[in-house]
Protein backbone atom coordinates (compact mmCIF):
# COMPACT_ATOMS: atom_id res chain seq x y z
CA UNK A 1 94.41 107.65 114.76
CA UNK A 2 94.48 106.24 111.25
CA UNK A 3 98.25 106.94 110.98
CA UNK A 4 98.88 105.22 114.30
CA UNK A 5 96.89 102.20 113.17
CA UNK A 6 98.92 101.94 109.95
CA UNK A 7 102.21 102.21 111.86
CA UNK A 8 101.12 99.56 114.34
CA UNK A 9 100.14 97.25 111.50
CA UNK A 10 103.52 97.74 109.84
CA UNK A 11 105.35 96.95 113.07
CA UNK A 12 103.27 93.83 113.64
CA UNK A 13 104.04 92.71 110.09
CA UNK A 14 107.76 93.21 110.65
CA UNK A 15 107.99 96.02 108.10
CA UNK A 16 110.49 98.85 108.62
CA UNK A 17 109.32 101.99 106.85
CA UNK A 18 112.28 103.87 105.34
CA UNK A 19 112.60 106.74 102.88
CA UNK A 20 112.91 105.64 99.26
CA UNK A 21 116.53 106.86 99.11
CA UNK A 22 117.47 104.65 102.03
CA UNK A 23 116.09 101.58 100.25
CA UNK A 24 118.27 102.05 97.18
CA UNK A 25 121.69 100.45 96.93
CA UNK A 26 124.65 102.86 96.78
CA UNK A 27 125.57 103.84 93.25
CA UNK A 28 128.04 106.14 91.54
CA UNK A 29 127.73 107.64 88.07
CA UNK A 30 130.86 108.57 86.10
CA UNK A 31 130.51 111.17 83.34
CA UNK A 32 132.77 111.71 80.36
CA UNK A 33 132.82 115.51 80.66
CA UNK A 34 132.60 118.10 83.43
CA UNK A 35 129.18 119.24 84.66
CA UNK A 36 127.71 115.74 84.24
CA UNK A 37 127.81 115.78 80.45
CA UNK A 38 128.71 113.27 77.78
CA UNK A 39 128.73 109.50 78.01
CA UNK A 40 128.20 107.97 81.44
CA UNK A 41 128.46 104.69 83.29
CA UNK A 42 126.46 103.72 86.40
CA UNK A 43 128.15 101.46 88.94
CA UNK A 44 126.50 99.72 91.85
CA UNK A 45 129.42 97.51 92.82
CA UNK A 46 133.19 97.47 92.83
CA UNK A 47 134.80 97.81 89.41
CA UNK A 48 138.52 96.89 89.47
CA UNK A 49 139.07 97.54 85.77
CA UNK A 50 137.25 100.25 83.82
CA UNK A 51 139.13 99.22 80.68
CA UNK A 52 136.81 96.22 80.52
CA UNK A 53 133.82 98.57 80.71
CA UNK A 54 135.11 100.90 78.00
CA UNK A 55 135.43 103.82 80.43
CA UNK A 56 139.11 103.92 81.35
CA UNK A 57 140.72 107.37 81.87
CA UNK A 58 137.51 109.08 80.80
CA UNK A 59 135.65 110.35 83.90
CA UNK A 60 135.59 114.14 84.40
CA UNK A 61 132.64 114.47 86.81
CA UNK A 62 130.68 112.19 89.12
CA UNK A 63 127.35 111.84 90.88
CA UNK A 64 127.21 109.84 94.10
CA UNK A 65 123.91 108.13 94.89
CA UNK A 66 124.73 106.87 98.35
CA UNK A 67 127.82 105.61 100.12
CA UNK A 68 131.46 106.63 99.98
CA UNK A 69 133.46 105.57 96.94
CA UNK A 70 137.13 105.30 96.20
CA UNK A 71 138.43 106.34 92.77
CA UNK A 72 141.89 105.08 91.75
CA UNK A 73 144.16 106.00 88.87
CA UNK A 74 145.19 102.42 88.04
CA UNK A 75 143.30 99.15 87.68
CA UNK A 76 142.84 96.97 90.76
CA UNK A 77 142.77 100.11 92.95
CA UNK A 78 146.42 100.91 92.38
CA UNK A 79 148.22 104.23 92.21
CA UNK A 80 146.81 107.39 93.73
CA UNK A 81 143.24 107.22 95.06
CA UNK A 82 140.69 109.68 96.41
CA UNK A 83 137.45 109.14 98.28
CA UNK A 84 134.16 110.83 97.42
CA UNK A 85 130.74 110.85 99.05
CA UNK A 86 129.17 113.80 97.22
CA UNK A 87 128.58 114.90 93.65
CA UNK A 88 131.55 116.56 91.96
CA UNK A 89 130.93 118.47 88.70
CA UNK A 90 134.63 118.81 87.89
CA UNK A 91 137.44 116.41 88.82
CA UNK A 92 140.11 118.71 87.38
CA UNK A 93 140.71 120.72 90.62
CA UNK A 94 141.39 117.46 92.45
CA UNK A 95 143.90 116.44 89.81
CA UNK A 96 141.76 113.45 88.88
CA UNK A 97 140.43 114.33 85.44
CA UNK A 98 140.60 111.54 82.85
CA UNK A 99 142.65 109.20 85.04
CA UNK A 100 140.13 106.97 86.88
CA UNK A 101 140.76 103.29 86.11
CA UNK A 102 139.05 101.53 89.04
CA UNK A 103 136.24 102.30 91.50
CA UNK A 104 135.09 100.63 94.70
CA UNK A 105 132.61 101.18 97.48
CA UNK A 106 134.15 101.96 100.88
CA UNK A 107 132.38 99.62 103.27
CA UNK A 108 134.15 100.37 106.55
CA UNK A 109 133.50 103.99 107.53
CA UNK A 110 135.84 103.67 110.52
CA UNK A 111 138.76 102.54 108.38
CA UNK A 112 141.61 105.05 108.24
CA UNK A 113 141.02 107.33 105.28
CA UNK A 114 144.35 106.66 103.63
CA UNK A 115 143.01 107.68 100.26
CA UNK A 116 142.32 111.20 101.50
CA UNK A 117 145.73 111.42 103.17
CA UNK A 118 147.49 110.27 100.02
CA UNK A 119 145.61 112.84 97.96
CA UNK A 120 146.69 115.61 100.35
CA UNK A 121 150.32 114.52 100.61
CA UNK A 122 150.78 113.75 96.93
CA UNK A 123 150.51 117.38 95.86
CA UNK A 124 153.12 118.42 98.43
CA UNK A 125 155.66 115.72 97.60
CA UNK A 126 155.14 115.12 93.90
CA UNK A 127 157.44 117.85 92.57
CA UNK A 128 160.28 116.79 94.86
CA UNK A 129 159.91 113.12 93.88
CA UNK A 130 159.76 113.88 90.17
CA UNK A 131 162.94 115.96 90.31
CA UNK A 132 164.76 113.28 92.31
CA UNK A 133 163.79 110.50 89.91
CA UNK A 134 164.83 112.49 86.84
CA UNK A 135 168.08 114.10 87.94
CA UNK A 136 170.02 111.96 85.47
CA UNK A 137 167.90 113.01 82.49
CA UNK A 138 166.54 116.54 82.71
CA UNK A 139 164.86 117.02 79.33
CA UNK A 140 164.23 120.56 78.15
CA UNK A 141 160.48 119.96 77.92
CA UNK A 142 158.33 117.11 79.21
CA UNK A 143 154.75 116.50 78.07
CA UNK A 144 152.43 114.69 80.50
CA UNK A 145 149.28 112.72 79.85
CA UNK A 146 147.42 114.05 82.91
CA UNK A 147 147.23 117.25 84.93
CA UNK A 148 149.72 117.85 87.75
CA UNK A 149 152.54 116.14 85.79
CA UNK A 150 150.97 112.68 86.12
CA UNK A 151 150.54 109.72 83.82
CA UNK A 152 152.56 108.78 80.75
CA UNK A 153 155.04 111.33 79.40
CA UNK A 154 157.29 112.24 76.51
CA UNK A 155 160.66 113.95 77.15
CA UNK A 156 161.94 116.23 74.38
CA UNK A 157 165.02 118.29 73.66
CA UNK A 158 164.14 119.07 70.04
CA UNK A 159 161.16 120.10 67.96
CA UNK A 160 158.41 117.53 67.38
CA UNK A 161 156.34 118.47 64.34
CA UNK A 162 154.04 115.47 64.62
CA UNK A 163 153.19 113.93 68.00
CA UNK A 164 151.29 111.15 66.24
CA UNK A 165 154.69 109.59 65.55
CA UNK A 166 155.40 109.61 69.26
CA UNK A 167 152.00 108.10 70.01
CA UNK A 168 151.19 111.21 72.04
CA UNK A 169 148.77 113.19 69.87
CA UNK A 170 145.92 115.08 71.58
CA UNK A 171 146.93 113.65 74.96
CA UNK A 172 148.92 116.34 76.78
CA UNK A 173 147.34 117.82 79.93
CA UNK A 174 150.39 119.36 81.68
CA UNK A 175 153.90 120.47 80.74
CA UNK A 176 157.29 120.75 82.44
CA UNK A 177 159.71 123.26 80.91
CA UNK A 178 163.31 123.03 82.09
CA UNK A 179 165.00 125.20 79.46
CA UNK A 180 163.91 127.58 76.74
CA UNK A 181 160.69 129.01 75.36
CA UNK A 182 158.37 126.53 73.63
CA UNK A 183 155.38 126.76 71.33
CA UNK A 184 152.67 124.10 71.39
CA UNK A 185 150.15 123.83 68.54
CA UNK A 186 146.86 122.02 68.03
CA UNK A 187 147.74 120.58 64.60
CA UNK A 188 150.80 118.85 63.16
CA UNK A 189 153.49 120.99 61.52
CA UNK A 190 152.70 123.80 63.96
CA UNK A 191 149.30 124.51 62.45
CA UNK A 192 146.08 125.78 64.00
CA UNK A 193 145.98 127.57 67.33
CA UNK A 194 149.31 127.79 69.18
CA UNK A 195 150.40 128.92 72.63
CA UNK A 196 153.85 129.86 73.94
CA UNK A 197 155.21 128.89 77.36
CA UNK A 198 158.45 129.45 79.24
CA UNK A 199 157.25 127.95 82.53
CA UNK A 200 155.62 124.80 83.89
CA UNK A 201 151.89 124.36 83.24
CA UNK A 202 150.12 122.14 85.75
CA UNK A 203 146.75 122.12 84.00
CA UNK A 204 146.16 122.92 80.34
CA UNK A 205 142.42 122.91 80.95
CA UNK A 206 142.88 126.40 82.40
CA UNK A 207 144.24 127.52 79.01
CA UNK A 208 141.57 125.78 76.94
CA UNK A 209 144.29 123.55 75.49
CA UNK A 210 143.77 120.19 77.20
CA UNK A 211 144.22 117.11 74.97
CA UNK A 212 144.77 119.24 71.87
CA UNK A 213 148.53 119.44 71.29
CA UNK A 214 149.80 117.84 68.06
CA UNK A 215 153.19 119.58 67.59
CA UNK A 216 155.83 121.28 69.73
CA UNK A 217 158.80 123.46 68.88
CA UNK A 218 161.41 125.53 70.64
CA UNK A 219 161.34 129.27 69.93
CA UNK A 220 164.52 130.10 71.82
């Protein structure tokens, strides 16, 4: 009886009783490392340029606190985008680690989910497009800034004992090998831990070698 009286009073007062979660505005939290670790940034509105927030190409995991959000690899929602509505402890499997540059809330749930379609089709077509665009210059080894052969790159035919000089130190996340057997090392002048590859590597995270390469040389 008491509960009924309280509900009636709320209705008469024009109050709609909702769970606490429903009252909160949608938010998304970007984390620097996988498993929600490291530095973080909380967003409650569209952010077209994470460079201005000091969080560009940093996010490796996310928590979603309501709503559906679109993550894009370039500022102003350009480039490849994906949509998320749940927490994700590791953006690496989606090929979106350390490449998010803009974020926005998806407001129209009935809108065609082009972001999801692009994410699905990109993996299928990317290799074909990359080969077509580079037929005229097929370097022996190509170092990429992001996983899945994305982002900035450096094309090499010879040894590079110091990637600092190429402005590409501790950046490489994937590798294309066209010819030969190559050794990649964590320090300049082929120092520290090294690994040898004779095939493409889509994701150096799997080898514990992401963003660590400082020198490269051909073995044969």
